[in-house]
């Protein structure tokens, strides 16, 4: 549920090795790309966005290796992801 990725990209500014974001709303991809294009090149490389649900992101290993997961706002729709957390 990354939305356009503003919170995730803000995290990239703070010593994150990488930031992976996902959201199943296809309109958010274009907004993410507009925001990403405003970042410095070293920050752009850290940020990745996938158009998929939270459940699919977990199933595909998008959270593997993560030290921190940001879920904002907490959502009833997390379903099985909440159990994984």
C-alpha atoms as a PDB file:
ATOM      1  CA  UNK A   1       0.000   0.000   0.000  1.00  0.00           C
ATOM      2  CA  UNK A   2       2.727   2.434  -0.982  1.00  0.00           C
ATOM      3  CA  UNK A   3       0.447   4.883  -2.717  1.00  0.00           C
ATOM      4  CA  UNK A   4       2.712   7.128  -4.762  1.00  0.00           C
ATOM      5  CA  UNK A   5       5.701   6.169  -2.614  1.00  0.00           C
ATOM      6  CA  UNK A   6       6.279   9.433  -0.763  1.00  0.00           C
ATOM      7  CA  UNK A   7       6.870   7.814   2.638  1.00  0.00           C
ATOM      8  CA  UNK A   8       9.086   5.119   1.122  1.00  0.00           C
ATOM      9  CA  UNK A   9      11.165   7.633  -0.786  1.00  0.00           C
ATOM     10  CA  UNK A  10      11.544   9.666   2.384  1.00  0.00           C
ATOM     11  CA  UNK A  11      12.959   6.538   4.028  1.00  0.00           C
ATOM     12  CA  UNK A  12      15.523   6.277   1.202  1.00  0.00           C
ATOM     13  CA  UNK A  13      17.003   9.555   2.409  1.00  0.00           C
ATOM     14  CA  UNK A  14      17.924   7.970   5.753  1.00  0.00           C
ATOM     15  CA  UNK A  15      20.711   5.443   5.266  1.00  0.00           C
ATOM     16  CA  UNK A  16      18.494   2.758   3.723  1.00  0.00           C
ATOM     17  CA  UNK A  17      20.307   0.331   1.466  1.00  0.00           C
ATOM     18  CA  UNK A  18      17.131  -0.113  -0.607  1.00  0.00           C
ATOM     19  CA  UNK A  19      13.425   0.638  -0.456  1.00  0.00           C
ATOM     20  CA  UNK A  20      10.885  -1.613  -2.143  1.00  0.00           C
ATOM     21  CA  UNK A  21       7.328  -0.353  -2.461  1.00  0.00           C
ATOM     22  CA  UNK A  22       4.126  -1.825  -3.842  1.00  0.00           C
ATOM     23  CA  UNK A  23       0.542  -0.842  -4.459  1.00  0.00           C
ATOM     24  CA  UNK A  24      -2.108  -2.432  -6.634  1.00  0.00           C
ATOM     25  CA  UNK A  25      -3.595   0.868  -7.825  1.00  0.00           C
ATOM     26  CA  UNK A  26      -2.220   1.316 -11.374  1.00  0.00           C
ATOM     27  CA  UNK A  27      -2.583   5.106 -11.177  1.00  0.00           C
ATOM     28  CA  UNK A  28       0.101   5.242  -8.496  1.00  0.00           C
ATOM     29  CA  UNK A  29       2.900   4.029 -10.769  1.00  0.00           C
ATOM     30  CA  UNK A  30       2.944   7.261 -12.799  1.00  0.00           C
ATOM     31  CA  UNK A  31       2.900   9.362  -9.602  1.00  0.00           C
ATOM     32  CA  UNK A  32       5.775   7.292  -8.193  1.00  0.00           C
ATOM     33  CA  UNK A  33       7.836   7.800 -11.359  1.00  0.00           C
ATOM     34  CA  UNK A  34       7.261  11.576 -11.250  1.00  0.00           C
ATOM     35  CA  UNK A  35       8.464  11.686  -7.641  1.00  0.00           C
ATOM     36  CA  UNK A  36      11.409   9.374  -8.315  1.00  0.00           C
ATOM     37  CA  UNK A  37      12.594  11.564 -11.185  1.00  0.00           C
ATOM     38  CA  UNK A  38      13.063  14.412  -8.705  1.00  0.00           C
ATOM     39  CA  UNK A  39      15.524  12.408  -6.580  1.00  0.00           C
ATOM     40  CA  UNK A  40      19.286  12.467  -6.836  1.00  0.00           C
ATOM     41  CA  UNK A  41      20.676   9.545  -8.893  1.00  0.00           C
ATOM     42  CA  UNK A  42      22.036   7.686  -5.847  1.00  0.00           C
ATOM     43  CA  UNK A  43      18.577   7.775  -4.246  1.00  0.00           C
ATOM     44  CA  UNK A  44      16.803   6.763  -7.454  1.00  0.00           C
ATOM     45  CA  UNK A  45      18.824   3.542  -7.514  1.00  0.00           C
ATOM     46  CA  UNK A  46      17.588   2.666  -4.023  1.00  0.00           C
ATOM     47  CA  UNK A  47      13.869   2.911  -4.835  1.00  0.00           C
ATOM     48  CA  UNK A  48      11.870   0.188  -6.534  1.00  0.00           C
ATOM     49  CA  UNK A  49       8.122   0.114  -7.060  1.00  0.00           C
ATOM     50  CA  UNK A  50       5.948  -2.849  -8.059  1.00  0.00           C
ATOM     51  CA  UNK A  51       2.318  -2.662  -9.071  1.00  0.00           C
ATOM     52  CA  UNK A  52       0.910  -5.466  -6.923  1.00  0.00           C
ATOM     53  CA  UNK A  53      -1.044  -6.146  -3.753  1.00  0.00           C
ATOM     54  CA  UNK A  54       0.689  -6.473  -0.394  1.00  0.00           C
ATOM     55  CA  UNK A  55      -0.105 -10.188  -0.367  1.00  0.00           C
ATOM     56  CA  UNK A  56       1.498 -10.661  -3.784  1.00  0.00           C
ATOM     57  CA  UNK A  57       4.542  -8.613  -2.756  1.00  0.00           C
ATOM     58  CA  UNK A  58       5.135 -10.896   0.238  1.00  0.00           C
ATOM     59  CA  UNK A  59       4.553 -14.022  -1.865  1.00  0.00           C
ATOM     60  CA  UNK A  60       7.097 -12.804  -4.461  1.00  0.00           C
ATOM     61  CA  UNK A  61       9.725 -12.130  -1.808  1.00  0.00           C
ATOM     62  CA  UNK A  62       9.614  -8.355  -1.955  1.00  0.00           C
ATOM     63  CA  UNK A  63      10.013  -8.170   1.828  1.00  0.00           C
ATOM     64  CA  UNK A  64      12.826 -10.728   2.016  1.00  0.00           C
ATOM     65  CA  UNK A  65      15.869  -9.210   3.662  1.00  0.00           C
ATOM     66  CA  UNK A  66      13.966  -6.217   5.024  1.00  0.00           C
ATOM     67  CA  UNK A  67      14.855  -4.923   8.463  1.00  0.00           C
ATOM     68  CA  UNK A  68      11.862  -2.572   8.548  1.00  0.00           C
ATOM     69  CA  UNK A  69       8.400  -2.714   6.978  1.00  0.00           C
ATOM     70  CA  UNK A  70       6.337   0.441   6.764  1.00  0.00           C
ATOM     71  CA  UNK A  71       2.590   0.005   6.470  1.00  0.00           C
ATOM     72  CA  UNK A  72       0.852   3.344   6.366  1.00  0.00           C
ATOM     73  CA  UNK A  73      -1.875   3.577   7.254  1.00  0.00           C
ATOM     74  CA  UNK A  74      -2.470   0.199   8.905  1.00  0.00           C
ATOM     75  CA  UNK A  75      -5.181  -1.442   6.848  1.00  0.00           C
ATOM     76  CA  UNK A  76      -7.767  -4.112   7.333  1.00  0.00           C
ATOM     77  CA  UNK A  77      -6.970  -5.205   3.769  1.00  0.00           C
ATOM     78  CA  UNK A  78      -3.545  -6.520   4.710  1.00  0.00           C
ATOM     79  CA  UNK A  79      -5.132  -9.922   5.325  1.00  0.00           C
ATOM     80  CA  UNK A  80      -2.459 -12.612   5.343  1.00  0.00           C
ATOM     81  CA  UNK A  81       0.290 -10.037   5.338  1.00  0.00           C
ATOM     82  CA  UNK A  82      -0.696  -9.018   8.870  1.00  0.00           C
ATOM     83  CA  UNK A  83      -0.229 -12.646   9.925  1.00  0.00           C
ATOM     84  CA  UNK A  84       3.217 -12.702   8.290  1.00  0.00           C
ATOM     85  CA  UNK A  85       4.210  -9.530  10.156  1.00  0.00           C
END
